[in-house]
């Protein structure tokens, strides 16, 4: 039988690993009697852990929420994941998280065993983040919006459009979507009787909550897909419809969901609807996807690519014709390639 202190840690670990345990299950795992289990539960309560219990045939124990955050027990993989996540959050696009993330990271790494510290140091040393060029948003505003989504409360705010025009909005929020560079709020707009997507960095900081509402099913059943379609349908000066000669699964791995709307044509081809602020950026970005393609619209892009192809031929006279590398992993551009090609310029 485990000593009392070791047994308490084991009991705490079990309670954190599963939402509910019956008394006999816990007693069997700890190899103790029901009476000893009850005493151990009381000891945890005295240490500040809110352990809830129910009596009867279906009774048992679960770890509840308390007034203060008690210590948590993490296994090896959980500790490494939390450490990497905190390091990422410290340099992310949400202002107000950096200092708190660094404080939490310092506390965690002070108590990591040597074997885990080496794993974490290796990850931090050889993972180099690409600097984000996206706007930052306030943590308190983001938390307020998330709470309103959870509690089905209306949100009132002033929203700036792309051209800088401000408008008062009262909406029923459904969820938040993060594309890696941008945060979007998806909400039902009663004044427009339709779903709307709002860039969070364009929402004024003085956000207020309002009356409760009855939640609606998310648009098209998938908030992320809805945001992708909304971003892809923005009125860019140049819109393109392109047939890509590769399976949709291959192309989806190479482009961001916010870069355009993909649709399968058959098992070997797919169609991309996308846009940009210039023909140059649009041509470069589509070319760097790394698969053969045909531009169906607009004619201006077809003409631009033809002129570009002629210019490239004149720049490389006598160059040997290389075999088509296909659509395997070796021919795929890197994330940095796509960013440099103008992904930042294309984001709405």
C-alpha atoms as a PDB file:
ATOM      1  CA  UNK A   1       0.000   0.000   0.000  1.00  0.00           C
ATOM      2  CA  UNK A   2       1.243   3.483  -0.830  1.00  0.00           C
ATOM      3  CA  UNK A   3       2.202   5.892   1.914  1.00  0.00           C
ATOM      4  CA  UNK A   4      -0.360   8.600   2.665  1.00  0.00           C
ATOM      5  CA  UNK A   5       1.402  11.450   0.807  1.00  0.00           C
ATOM      6  CA  UNK A   6       2.062   9.323  -2.287  1.00  0.00           C
ATOM      7  CA  UNK A   7      -1.497   8.020  -2.174  1.00  0.00           C
ATOM      8  CA  UNK A   8      -2.905  11.560  -2.070  1.00  0.00           C
ATOM      9  CA  UNK A   9      -0.919  12.495  -5.166  1.00  0.00           C
ATOM     10  CA  UNK A  10      -2.160   9.366  -6.889  1.00  0.00           C
ATOM     11  CA  UNK A  11      -5.751  10.161  -5.897  1.00  0.00           C
ATOM     12  CA  UNK A  12      -5.402  13.719  -7.169  1.00  0.00           C
ATOM     13  CA  UNK A  13      -3.985  12.483 -10.470  1.00  0.00           C
ATOM     14  CA  UNK A  14      -6.914  10.109 -10.929  1.00  0.00           C
ATOM     15  CA  UNK A  15      -9.460  12.830 -10.178  1.00  0.00           C
ATOM     16  CA  UNK A  16      -7.821  15.152 -12.705  1.00  0.00           C
ATOM     17  CA  UNK A  17      -7.684  12.467 -15.388  1.00  0.00           C
ATOM     18  CA  UNK A  18     -11.413  11.687 -15.459  1.00  0.00           C
ATOM     19  CA  UNK A  19     -14.537  13.710 -14.775  1.00  0.00           C
ATOM     20  CA  UNK A  20     -16.204  11.188 -12.440  1.00  0.00           C
ATOM     21  CA  UNK A  21     -15.139   8.141 -10.417  1.00  0.00           C
ATOM     22  CA  UNK A  22     -17.256   5.822  -8.338  1.00  0.00           C
ATOM     23  CA  UNK A  23     -16.026   5.153  -4.813  1.00  0.00           C
ATOM     24  CA  UNK A  24     -15.321   1.432  -5.403  1.00  0.00           C
ATOM     25  CA  UNK A  25     -13.331   2.263  -8.558  1.00  0.00           C
ATOM     26  CA  UNK A  26     -11.075   4.704  -6.729  1.00  0.00           C
ATOM     27  CA  UNK A  27     -10.634   2.411  -3.748  1.00  0.00           C
ATOM     28  CA  UNK A  28      -9.623  -0.449  -6.076  1.00  0.00           C
ATOM     29  CA  UNK A  29      -7.133   1.740  -7.976  1.00  0.00           C
ATOM     30  CA  UNK A  30      -5.539   2.921  -4.730  1.00  0.00           C
ATOM     31  CA  UNK A  31      -5.777  -0.510  -3.057  1.00  0.00           C
ATOM     32  CA  UNK A  32      -7.469   0.946   0.034  1.00  0.00           C
ATOM     33  CA  UNK A  33     -10.750   0.526   1.860  1.00  0.00           C
ATOM     34  CA  UNK A  34     -13.712   2.833   1.363  1.00  0.00           C
ATOM     35  CA  UNK A  35     -13.096   4.363   4.777  1.00  0.00           C
ATOM     36  CA  UNK A  36      -9.476   5.203   3.908  1.00  0.00           C
ATOM     37  CA  UNK A  37     -10.619   6.693   0.593  1.00  0.00           C
ATOM     38  CA  UNK A  38     -13.066   8.993   2.392  1.00  0.00           C
ATOM     39  CA  UNK A  39     -10.314  10.148   4.758  1.00  0.00           C
ATOM     40  CA  UNK A  40      -8.005  10.869   1.798  1.00  0.00           C
ATOM     41  CA  UNK A  41     -10.737  12.860   0.071  1.00  0.00           C
ATOM     42  CA  UNK A  42     -11.137  14.924   3.249  1.00  0.00           C
ATOM     43  CA  UNK A  43      -7.379  15.548   3.309  1.00  0.00           C
ATOM     44  CA  UNK A  44      -7.501  16.859  -0.265  1.00  0.00           C
ATOM     45  CA  UNK A  45     -10.371  19.161   0.681  1.00  0.00           C
ATOM     46  CA  UNK A  46      -8.355  20.512   3.611  1.00  0.00           C
ATOM     47  CA  UNK A  47      -5.532  21.268   1.143  1.00  0.00           C
ATOM     48  CA  UNK A  48      -7.905  23.373  -0.980  1.00  0.00           C
ATOM     49  CA  UNK A  49      -9.004  20.874  -3.615  1.00  0.00           C
ATOM     50  CA  UNK A  50     -12.792  21.049  -4.154  1.00  0.00           C
ATOM     51  CA  UNK A  51     -13.720  17.361  -4.343  1.00  0.00           C
ATOM     52  CA  UNK A  52     -17.476  16.923  -4.829  1.00  0.00           C
ATOM     53  CA  UNK A  53     -19.157  13.693  -3.734  1.00  0.00           C
ATOM     54  CA  UNK A  54     -22.560  12.113  -4.215  1.00  0.00           C
ATOM     55  CA  UNK A  55     -24.081   9.280  -2.184  1.00  0.00           C
ATOM     56  CA  UNK A  56     -26.087   6.265  -3.244  1.00  0.00           C
ATOM     57  CA  UNK A  57     -25.650   3.449  -5.746  1.00  0.00           C
ATOM     58  CA  UNK A  58     -24.617   5.880  -8.513  1.00  0.00           C
ATOM     59  CA  UNK A  59     -22.528   8.010  -6.170  1.00  0.00           C
ATOM     60  CA  UNK A  60     -18.890   8.868  -6.463  1.00  0.00           C
ATOM     61  CA  UNK A  61     -16.347  11.672  -6.621  1.00  0.00           C
ATOM     62  CA  UNK A  62     -15.323  14.398  -9.032  1.00  0.00           C
ATOM     63  CA  UNK A  63     -12.941  17.336  -8.868  1.00  0.00           C
ATOM     64  CA  UNK A  64     -14.949  20.564  -8.877  1.00  0.00           C
ATOM     65  CA  UNK A  65     -14.099  24.205  -9.419  1.00  0.00           C
ATOM     66  CA  UNK A  66     -12.871  26.162  -6.416  1.00  0.00           C
ATOM     67  CA  UNK A  67     -12.255  29.776  -5.482  1.00  0.00           C
ATOM     68  CA  UNK A  68      -8.499  29.450  -6.103  1.00  0.00           C
ATOM     69  CA  UNK A  69      -6.530  27.430  -8.627  1.00  0.00           C
ATOM     70  CA  UNK A  70      -4.898  24.455  -6.876  1.00  0.00           C
ATOM     71  CA  UNK A  71      -1.734  22.791  -8.193  1.00  0.00           C
ATOM     72  CA  UNK A  72      -2.199  20.529 -11.208  1.00  0.00           C
ATOM     73  CA  UNK A  73      -0.490  17.237 -11.947  1.00  0.00           C
ATOM     74  CA  UNK A  74       0.788  16.833 -15.516  1.00  0.00           C
ATOM     75  CA  UNK A  75       2.265  13.789 -17.191  1.00  0.00           C
ATOM     76  CA  UNK A  76       5.428  14.116 -19.303  1.00  0.00           C
ATOM     77  CA  UNK A  77       3.761  14.827 -22.648  1.00  0.00           C
ATOM     78  CA  UNK A  78       1.288  17.273 -21.064  1.00  0.00           C
ATOM     79  CA  UNK A  79       4.116  19.221 -19.417  1.00  0.00           C
ATOM     80  CA  UNK A  80       6.053  19.492 -22.684  1.00  0.00           C
ATOM     81  CA  UNK A  81       2.906  20.538 -24.592  1.00  0.00           C
ATOM     82  CA  UNK A  82       2.073  23.237 -22.038  1.00  0.00           C
ATOM     83  CA  UNK A  83       5.638  24.564 -22.115  1.00  0.00           C
ATOM     84  CA  UNK A  84       5.680  24.850 -25.922  1.00  0.00           C
ATOM     85  CA  UNK A  85       2.208  26.400 -25.897  1.00  0.00           C
ATOM     86  CA  UNK A  86       3.224  29.027 -23.345  1.00  0.00           C
ATOM     87  CA  UNK A  87       6.339  29.903 -25.334  1.00  0.00           C
ATOM     88  CA  UNK A  88       4.193  30.348 -28.450  1.00  0.00           C
ATOM     89  CA  UNK A  89       1.625  32.440 -26.574  1.00  0.00           C
ATOM     90  CA  UNK A  90       4.363  34.735 -25.297  1.00  0.00           C
ATOM     91  CA  UNK A  91       5.081  35.833 -28.854  1.00  0.00           C
ATOM     92  CA  UNK A  92       1.581  35.650 -30.293  1.00  0.00           C
ATOM     93  CA  UNK A  93      -0.923  38.161 -31.652  1.00  0.00           C
ATOM     94  CA  UNK A  94      -2.953  38.576 -28.445  1.00  0.00           C
ATOM     95  CA  UNK A  95      -1.694  41.499 -26.362  1.00  0.00           C
ATOM     96  CA  UNK A  96      -1.769  41.068 -22.587  1.00  0.00           C
ATOM     97  CA  UNK A  97      -0.769  37.395 -22.716  1.00  0.00           C
ATOM     98  CA  UNK A  98       2.976  37.824 -23.107  1.00  0.00           C
ATOM     99  CA  UNK A  99       3.904  38.614 -19.489  1.00  0.00           C
ATOM    100  CA  UNK A 100       1.464  36.106 -17.976  1.00  0.00           C
ATOM    101  CA  UNK A 101       2.671  33.377 -20.356  1.00  0.00           C
ATOM    102  CA  UNK A 102       6.313  34.026 -19.474  1.00  0.00           C
ATOM    103  CA  UNK A 103       5.557  33.953 -15.724  1.00  0.00           C
ATOM    104  CA  UNK A 104       3.730  30.628 -16.083  1.00  0.00           C
ATOM    105  CA  UNK A 105       6.528  29.256 -18.279  1.00  0.00           C
ATOM    106  CA  UNK A 106       9.152  30.190 -15.671  1.00  0.00           C
ATOM    107  CA  UNK A 107       7.202  28.448 -12.906  1.00  0.00           C
ATOM    108  CA  UNK A 108       6.740  25.313 -14.996  1.00  0.00           C
ATOM    109  CA  UNK A 109      10.333  25.007 -16.174  1.00  0.00           C
ATOM    110  CA  UNK A 110      11.658  25.437 -12.614  1.00  0.00           C
ATOM    111  CA  UNK A 111      10.019  22.182 -11.560  1.00  0.00           C
ATOM    112  CA  UNK A 112      10.544  20.117 -14.717  1.00  0.00           C
ATOM    113  CA  UNK A 113      12.619  16.947 -14.250  1.00  0.00           C
ATOM    114  CA  UNK A 114      15.929  16.943 -16.061  1.00  0.00           C
ATOM    115  CA  UNK A 115      14.706  14.518 -18.759  1.00  0.00           C
ATOM    116  CA  UNK A 116      11.795  16.819 -19.633  1.00  0.00           C
ATOM    117  CA  UNK A 117      13.884  19.966 -19.399  1.00  0.00           C
ATOM    118  CA  UNK A 118      16.179  18.601 -22.121  1.00  0.00           C
ATOM    119  CA  UNK A 119      13.184  17.886 -24.397  1.00  0.00           C
ATOM    120  CA  UNK A 120      11.758  21.360 -23.852  1.00  0.00           C
ATOM    121  CA  UNK A 121      15.125  23.082 -24.398  1.00  0.00           C
ATOM    122  CA  UNK A 122      15.611  21.179 -27.659  1.00  0.00           C
ATOM    123  CA  UNK A 123      12.174  22.246 -28.891  1.00  0.00           C
ATOM    124  CA  UNK A 124      12.739  25.886 -27.953  1.00  0.00           C
ATOM    125  CA  UNK A 125      16.224  25.909 -29.495  1.00  0.00           C
ATOM    126  CA  UNK A 126      15.301  24.483 -32.892  1.00  0.00           C
ATOM    127  CA  UNK A 127      11.765  25.770 -33.470  1.00  0.00           C
ATOM    128  CA  UNK A 128      12.114  29.176 -35.111  1.00  0.00           C
ATOM    129  CA  UNK A 129       8.789  31.033 -35.444  1.00  0.00           C
ATOM    130  CA  UNK A 130       8.177  33.145 -38.520  1.00  0.00           C
ATOM    131  CA  UNK A 131       7.541  36.710 -37.393  1.00  0.00           C
ATOM    132  CA  UNK A 132       3.834  37.517 -37.523  1.00  0.00           C
ATOM    133  CA  UNK A 133       2.813  40.578 -39.515  1.00  0.00           C
ATOM    134  CA  UNK A 134      -0.803  40.404 -38.426  1.00  0.00           C
ATOM    135  CA  UNK A 135      -2.445  42.931 -36.108  1.00  0.00           C
ATOM    136  CA  UNK A 136      -2.592  42.299 -32.382  1.00  0.00           C
ATOM    137  CA  UNK A 137      -5.771  42.222 -30.328  1.00  0.00           C
ATOM    138  CA  UNK A 138      -6.538  42.799 -26.658  1.00  0.00           C
ATOM    139  CA  UNK A 139      -6.801  39.721 -24.429  1.00  0.00           C
ATOM    140  CA  UNK A 140      -9.657  41.190 -22.370  1.00  0.00           C
ATOM    141  CA  UNK A 141     -11.697  41.917 -25.499  1.00  0.00           C
ATOM    142  CA  UNK A 142     -11.103  38.377 -26.754  1.00  0.00           C
ATOM    143  CA  UNK A 143     -12.072  36.887 -23.381  1.00  0.00           C
ATOM    144  CA  UNK A 144     -15.239  39.000 -23.245  1.00  0.00           C
ATOM    145  CA  UNK A 145     -16.272  37.791 -26.693  1.00  0.00           C
ATOM    146  CA  UNK A 146     -15.600  34.156 -25.836  1.00  0.00           C
ATOM    147  CA  UNK A 147     -17.678  34.478 -22.657  1.00  0.00           C
ATOM    148  CA  UNK A 148     -20.541  36.063 -24.615  1.00  0.00           C
ATOM    149  CA  UNK A 149     -20.439  33.151 -27.073  1.00  0.00           C
ATOM    150  CA  UNK A 150     -20.578  30.682 -24.184  1.00  0.00           C
ATOM    151  CA  UNK A 151     -23.339  32.498 -22.268  1.00  0.00           C
ATOM    152  CA  UNK A 152     -25.407  33.425 -25.371  1.00  0.00           C
ATOM    153  CA  UNK A 153     -25.235  37.155 -24.673  1.00  0.00           C
ATOM    154  CA  UNK A 154     -25.499  39.844 -27.319  1.00  0.00           C
ATOM    155  CA  UNK A 155     -22.443  41.970 -28.067  1.00  0.00           C
ATOM    156  CA  UNK A 156     -22.523  45.696 -28.813  1.00  0.00           C
ATOM    157  CA  UNK A 157     -19.528  47.376 -30.430  1.00  0.00           C
ATOM    158  CA  UNK A 158     -18.337  49.824 -33.066  1.00  0.00           C
ATOM    159  CA  UNK A 159     -16.895  48.144 -36.141  1.00  0.00           C
ATOM    160  CA  UNK A 160     -14.553  49.675 -38.726  1.00  0.00           C
ATOM    161  CA  UNK A 161     -14.874  48.409 -42.294  1.00  0.00           C
ATOM    162  CA  UNK A 162     -11.981  48.074 -44.736  1.00  0.00           C
ATOM    163  CA  UNK A 163     -12.390  51.669 -45.854  1.00  0.00           C
ATOM    164  CA  UNK A 164     -12.382  52.911 -42.235  1.00  0.00           C
ATOM    165  CA  UNK A 165     -16.101  53.648 -41.979  1.00  0.00           C
ATOM    166  CA  UNK A 166     -17.466  53.016 -38.459  1.00  0.00           C
ATOM    167  CA  UNK A 167     -20.856  51.476 -37.673  1.00  0.00           C
ATOM    168  CA  UNK A 168     -22.680  50.491 -34.477  1.00  0.00           C
ATOM    169  CA  UNK A 169     -23.398  46.758 -34.296  1.00  0.00           C
ATOM    170  CA  UNK A 170     -25.495  44.626 -31.975  1.00  0.00           C
ATOM    171  CA  UNK A 171     -24.984  40.951 -32.760  1.00  0.00           C
ATOM    172  CA  UNK A 172     -25.563  37.442 -31.402  1.00  0.00           C
ATOM    173  CA  UNK A 173     -22.089  35.839 -31.265  1.00  0.00           C
ATOM    174  CA  UNK A 174     -21.606  32.196 -32.203  1.00  0.00           C
ATOM    175  CA  UNK A 175     -17.841  31.656 -32.023  1.00  0.00           C
ATOM    176  CA  UNK A 176     -14.286  32.858 -32.687  1.00  0.00           C
ATOM    177  CA  UNK A 177     -12.055  31.550 -35.477  1.00  0.00           C
ATOM    178  CA  UNK A 178      -8.269  31.998 -35.565  1.00  0.00           C
ATOM    179  CA  UNK A 179      -6.514  31.657 -38.928  1.00  0.00           C
ATOM    180  CA  UNK A 180      -2.991  32.002 -37.519  1.00  0.00           C
ATOM    181  CA  UNK A 181      -2.703  35.699 -38.452  1.00  0.00           C
ATOM    182  CA  UNK A 182      -6.218  36.986 -37.860  1.00  0.00           C
ATOM    183  CA  UNK A 183      -9.039  36.505 -35.333  1.00  0.00           C
ATOM    184  CA  UNK A 184     -12.626  36.521 -36.615  1.00  0.00           C
ATOM    185  CA  UNK A 185     -15.933  36.746 -34.731  1.00  0.00           C
ATOM    186  CA  UNK A 186     -18.845  34.916 -36.359  1.00  0.00           C
ATOM    187  CA  UNK A 187     -22.211  36.311 -35.286  1.00  0.00           C
ATOM    188  CA  UNK A 188     -25.835  36.642 -36.345  1.00  0.00           C
ATOM    189  CA  UNK A 189     -26.693  40.260 -37.140  1.00  0.00           C
ATOM    190  CA  UNK A 190     -30.411  40.831 -36.375  1.00  0.00           C
ATOM    191  CA  UNK A 191     -30.421  44.195 -38.169  1.00  0.00           C
ATOM    192  CA  UNK A 192     -29.297  42.504 -41.385  1.00  0.00           C
ATOM    193  CA  UNK A 193     -31.047  39.160 -40.693  1.00  0.00           C
ATOM    194  CA  UNK A 194     -27.934  37.282 -41.749  1.00  0.00           C
ATOM    195  CA  UNK A 195     -24.651  35.867 -40.491  1.00  0.00           C
ATOM    196  CA  UNK A 196     -21.645  38.168 -40.506  1.00  0.00           C
ATOM    197  CA  UNK A 197     -17.878  37.749 -40.036  1.00  0.00           C
ATOM    198  CA  UNK A 198     -16.040  40.494 -38.117  1.00  0.00           C
ATOM    199  CA  UNK A 199     -12.278  40.918 -37.920  1.00  0.00           C
ATOM    200  CA  UNK A 200     -11.606  41.279 -34.191  1.00  0.00           C
ATOM    201  CA  UNK A 201      -8.795  43.819 -34.697  1.00  0.00           C
ATOM    202  CA  UNK A 202     -11.340  46.144 -36.346  1.00  0.00           C
ATOM    203  CA  UNK A 203     -13.687  46.021 -33.343  1.00  0.00           C
ATOM    204  CA  UNK A 204     -13.350  48.973 -30.964  1.00  0.00           C
ATOM    205  CA  UNK A 205     -12.115  48.078 -27.467  1.00  0.00           C
ATOM    206  CA  UNK A 206     -15.271  49.296 -25.684  1.00  0.00           C
ATOM    207  CA  UNK A 207     -17.259  46.109 -26.270  1.00  0.00           C
ATOM    208  CA  UNK A 208     -20.389  45.639 -24.128  1.00  0.00           C
ATOM    209  CA  UNK A 209     -22.609  42.650 -23.499  1.00  0.00           C
ATOM    210  CA  UNK A 210     -26.386  42.780 -23.762  1.00  0.00           C
ATOM    211  CA  UNK A 211     -29.469  40.610 -23.443  1.00  0.00           C
ATOM    212  CA  UNK A 212     -29.403  36.857 -23.703  1.00  0.00           C
ATOM    213  CA  UNK A 213     -30.573  35.172 -26.901  1.00  0.00           C
ATOM    214  CA  UNK A 214     -31.513  31.720 -28.117  1.00  0.00           C
ATOM    215  CA  UNK A 215     -28.508  30.330 -30.009  1.00  0.00           C
ATOM    216  CA  UNK A 216     -28.833  29.381 -33.665  1.00  0.00           C
ATOM    217  CA  UNK A 217     -27.120  26.460 -35.401  1.00  0.00           C
ATOM    218  CA  UNK A 218     -23.749  27.637 -36.759  1.00  0.00           C
ATOM    219  CA  UNK A 219     -23.780  28.718 -40.415  1.00  0.00           C
ATOM    220  CA  UNK A 220     -23.336  25.710 -42.685  1.00  0.00           C
ATOM    221  CA  UNK A 221     -22.614  23.684 -39.546  1.00  0.00           C
ATOM    222  CA  UNK A 222     -18.935  24.717 -39.474  1.00  0.00           C
ATOM    223  CA  UNK A 223     -17.638  28.107 -38.304  1.00  0.00           C
ATOM    224  CA  UNK A 224     -14.138  27.598 -39.732  1.00  0.00           C
ATOM    225  CA  UNK A 225     -15.460  26.732 -43.210  1.00  0.00           C
ATOM    226  CA  UNK A 226     -17.847  29.684 -43.059  1.00  0.00           C
ATOM    227  CA  UNK A 227     -15.005  32.101 -42.245  1.00  0.00           C
ATOM    228  CA  UNK A 228     -12.921  30.630 -45.064  1.00  0.00           C
ATOM    229  CA  UNK A 229     -15.752  31.211 -47.534  1.00  0.00           C
ATOM    230  CA  UNK A 230     -16.432  34.700 -46.167  1.00  0.00           C
ATOM    231  CA  UNK A 231     -12.794  35.754 -46.474  1.00  0.00           C
ATOM    232  CA  UNK A 232     -12.532  34.227 -49.951  1.00  0.00           C
ATOM    233  CA  UNK A 233     -15.611  36.127 -51.159  1.00  0.00           C
ATOM    234  CA  UNK A 234     -14.345  39.588 -50.148  1.00  0.00           C
ATOM    235  CA  UNK A 235     -14.608  42.093 -53.010  1.00  0.00           C
ATOM    236  CA  UNK A 236     -10.951  42.110 -54.042  1.00  0.00           C
ATOM    237  CA  UNK A 237     -10.054  44.226 -57.076  1.00  0.00           C
ATOM    238  CA  UNK A 238      -8.960  41.000 -58.770  1.00  0.00           C
ATOM    239  CA  UNK A 239     -10.855  37.728 -58.400  1.00  0.00           C
ATOM    240  CA  UNK A 240      -9.691  34.431 -59.853  1.00  0.00           C
ATOM    241  CA  UNK A 241     -11.190  31.025 -60.591  1.00  0.00           C
ATOM    242  CA  UNK A 242      -8.451  28.452 -61.106  1.00  0.00           C
ATOM    243  CA  UNK A 243      -8.503  24.731 -61.851  1.00  0.00           C
ATOM    244  CA  UNK A 244      -5.647  22.961 -60.046  1.00  0.00           C
ATOM    245  CA  UNK A 245      -4.431  19.633 -61.377  1.00  0.00           C
ATOM    246  CA  UNK A 246      -4.017  17.932 -58.012  1.00  0.00           C
ATOM    247  CA  UNK A 247      -6.350  16.248 -55.524  1.00  0.00           C
ATOM    248  CA  UNK A 248      -8.063  18.637 -53.149  1.00  0.00           C
ATOM    249  CA  UNK A 249      -6.371  16.919 -50.180  1.00  0.00           C
ATOM    250  CA  UNK A 250      -2.929  17.789 -51.593  1.00  0.00           C
ATOM    251  CA  UNK A 251      -3.803  21.438 -52.249  1.00  0.00           C
ATOM    252  CA  UNK A 252      -5.517  21.872 -48.870  1.00  0.00           C
ATOM    253  CA  UNK A 253      -2.238  21.021 -47.129  1.00  0.00           C
ATOM    254  CA  UNK A 254      -0.438  23.817 -48.983  1.00  0.00           C
ATOM    255  CA  UNK A 255      -2.721  26.816 -48.574  1.00  0.00           C
ATOM    256  CA  UNK A 256      -4.370  28.524 -45.613  1.00  0.00           C
ATOM    257  CA  UNK A 257      -8.155  28.113 -45.224  1.00  0.00           C
ATOM    258  CA  UNK A 258      -8.398  31.901 -45.369  1.00  0.00           C
ATOM    259  CA  UNK A 259      -6.538  32.099 -48.692  1.00  0.00           C
ATOM    260  CA  UNK A 260      -9.437  30.935 -50.828  1.00  0.00           C
ATOM    261  CA  UNK A 261     -12.322  28.555 -51.280  1.00  0.00           C
ATOM    262  CA  UNK A 262     -11.458  25.063 -52.508  1.00  0.00           C
ATOM    263  CA  UNK A 263     -13.874  22.634 -54.147  1.00  0.00           C
ATOM    264  CA  UNK A 264     -13.262  19.162 -55.564  1.00  0.00           C
ATOM    265  CA  UNK A 265     -13.919  18.589 -59.267  1.00  0.00           C
ATOM    266  CA  UNK A 266     -12.914  14.934 -59.306  1.00  0.00           C
ATOM    267  CA  UNK A 267     -10.304  12.709 -57.662  1.00  0.00           C
ATOM    268  CA  UNK A 268      -7.439  14.394 -59.546  1.00  0.00           C
ATOM    269  CA  UNK A 269      -8.454  18.045 -59.858  1.00  0.00           C
ATOM    270  CA  UNK A 270      -9.998  20.810 -57.766  1.00  0.00           C
ATOM    271  CA  UNK A 271     -11.109  24.411 -58.196  1.00  0.00           C
ATOM    272  CA  UNK A 272      -9.872  27.421 -56.256  1.00  0.00           C
ATOM    273  CA  UNK A 273     -11.725  30.722 -55.869  1.00  0.00           C
ATOM    274  CA  UNK A 274      -9.408  33.406 -54.550  1.00  0.00           C
ATOM    275  CA  UNK A 275      -8.549  37.076 -54.874  1.00  0.00           C
ATOM    276  CA  UNK A 276      -5.916  39.726 -54.365  1.00  0.00           C
ATOM    277  CA  UNK A 277      -5.198  43.426 -54.571  1.00  0.00           C
ATOM    278  CA  UNK A 278      -2.929  43.008 -57.616  1.00  0.00           C
ATOM    279  CA  UNK A 279      -2.471  40.698 -60.597  1.00  0.00           C
ATOM    280  CA  UNK A 280       1.222  40.345 -59.746  1.00  0.00           C
ATOM    281  CA  UNK A 281       0.550  39.005 -56.263  1.00  0.00           C
ATOM    282  CA  UNK A 282      -2.229  36.740 -57.506  1.00  0.00           C
ATOM    283  CA  UNK A 283      -0.057  35.220 -60.249  1.00  0.00           C
ATOM    284  CA  UNK A 284       2.933  34.654 -57.949  1.00  0.00           C
ATOM    285  CA  UNK A 285       0.838  33.103 -55.186  1.00  0.00           C
ATOM    286  CA  UNK A 286      -1.026  30.680 -57.459  1.00  0.00           C
ATOM    287  CA  UNK A 287       2.237  29.644 -59.139  1.00  0.00           C
ATOM    288  CA  UNK A 288       3.863  28.864 -55.791  1.00  0.00           C
ATOM    289  CA  UNK A 289       1.149  26.384 -54.822  1.00  0.00           C
ATOM    290  CA  UNK A 290       3.340  23.979 -56.790  1.00  0.00           C
ATOM    291  CA  UNK A 291       0.861  22.209 -59.090  1.00  0.00           C
ATOM    292  CA  UNK A 292      -0.200  22.632 -62.727  1.00  0.00           C
ATOM    293  CA  UNK A 293      -3.170  24.931 -63.116  1.00  0.00           C
ATOM    294  CA  UNK A 294      -5.520  26.570 -65.611  1.00  0.00           C
ATOM    295  CA  UNK A 295      -6.928  30.045 -65.061  1.00  0.00           C
ATOM    296  CA  UNK A 296     -10.620  30.205 -65.991  1.00  0.00           C
ATOM    297  CA  UNK A 297     -11.198  33.793 -64.831  1.00  0.00           C
ATOM    298  CA  UNK A 298     -10.403  36.655 -65.121  1.00  0.00           C
ATOM    299  CA  UNK A 299      -9.091  37.271 -68.660  1.00  0.00           C
ATOM    300  CA  UNK A 300      -6.693  39.912 -67.281  1.00  0.00           C
ATOM    301  CA  UNK A 301      -4.890  37.257 -65.239  1.00  0.00           C
ATOM    302  CA  UNK A 302      -4.645  34.962 -68.265  1.00  0.00           C
ATOM    303  CA  UNK A 303      -3.085  37.789 -70.281  1.00  0.00           C
ATOM    304  CA  UNK A 304      -0.714  38.716 -67.445  1.00  0.00           C
ATOM    305  CA  UNK A 305       0.502  35.116 -67.035  1.00  0.00           C
ATOM    306  CA  UNK A 306       1.048  34.863 -70.798  1.00  0.00           C
ATOM    307  CA  UNK A 307       3.157  37.996 -70.790  1.00  0.00           C
ATOM    308  CA  UNK A 308       5.034  36.783 -67.720  1.00  0.00           C
ATOM    309  CA  UNK A 309       5.753  33.420 -69.337  1.00  0.00           C
ATOM    310  CA  UNK A 310       7.180  35.166 -72.424  1.00  0.00           C
ATOM    311  CA  UNK A 311       9.340  37.397 -70.232  1.00  0.00           C
ATOM    312  CA  UNK A 312      10.686  34.386 -68.303  1.00  0.00           C
ATOM    313  CA  UNK A 313      11.495  32.580 -71.559  1.00  0.00           C
ATOM    314  CA  UNK A 314      13.428  35.579 -72.832  1.00  0.00           C
ATOM    315  CA  UNK A 315      15.289  35.767 -69.524  1.00  0.00           C
ATOM    316  CA  UNK A 316      16.443  32.138 -69.801  1.00  0.00           C
ATOM    317  CA  UNK A 317      17.394  31.503 -73.451  1.00  0.00           C
ATOM    318  CA  UNK A 318      18.540  27.969 -74.112  1.00  0.00           C
ATOM    319  CA  UNK A 319      17.552  26.752 -70.673  1.00  0.00           C
ATOM    320  CA  UNK A 320      16.963  22.969 -70.586  1.00  0.00           C
ATOM    321  CA  UNK A 321      13.390  21.792 -70.154  1.00  0.00           C
ATOM    322  CA  UNK A 322      13.161  19.967 -66.833  1.00  0.00           C
ATOM    323  CA  UNK A 323      10.900  17.038 -66.102  1.00  0.00           C
ATOM    324  CA  UNK A 324       7.660  17.868 -64.322  1.00  0.00           C
ATOM    325  CA  UNK A 325       8.312  17.282 -60.596  1.00  0.00           C
ATOM    326  CA  UNK A 326       4.656  16.358 -60.069  1.00  0.00           C
ATOM    327  CA  UNK A 327       2.685  17.100 -56.945  1.00  0.00           C
ATOM    328  CA  UNK A 328       4.667  15.120 -54.398  1.00  0.00           C
ATOM    329  CA  UNK A 329       6.086  16.594 -51.206  1.00  0.00           C
ATOM    330  CA  UNK A 330       9.357  17.587 -52.873  1.00  0.00           C
ATOM    331  CA  UNK A 331       7.597  20.022 -55.217  1.00  0.00           C
ATOM    332  CA  UNK A 332       5.576  21.767 -52.524  1.00  0.00           C
ATOM    333  CA  UNK A 333       6.602  25.315 -51.595  1.00  0.00           C
ATOM    334  CA  UNK A 334       7.449  26.089 -48.031  1.00  0.00           C
ATOM    335  CA  UNK A 335       5.272  28.231 -45.778  1.00  0.00           C
ATOM    336  CA  UNK A 336       7.870  30.976 -46.014  1.00  0.00           C
ATOM    337  CA  UNK A 337       7.622  30.861 -49.826  1.00  0.00           C
ATOM    338  CA  UNK A 338       3.880  31.446 -49.694  1.00  0.00           C
ATOM    339  CA  UNK A 339       4.210  34.276 -47.205  1.00  0.00           C
ATOM    340  CA  UNK A 340       6.913  36.019 -49.228  1.00  0.00           C
ATOM    341  CA  UNK A 341       4.831  35.579 -52.380  1.00  0.00           C
ATOM    342  CA  UNK A 342       2.262  37.944 -51.023  1.00  0.00           C
ATOM    343  CA  UNK A 343       0.009  36.131 -48.594  1.00  0.00           C
ATOM    344  CA  UNK A 344       0.145  39.136 -46.283  1.00  0.00           C
ATOM    345  CA  UNK A 345      -0.924  41.456 -49.078  1.00  0.00           C
ATOM    346  CA  UNK A 346      -3.886  39.226 -49.886  1.00  0.00           C
ATOM    347  CA  UNK A 347      -5.307  39.039 -46.370  1.00  0.00           C
ATOM    348  CA  UNK A 348      -8.405  41.243 -45.989  1.00  0.00           C
END
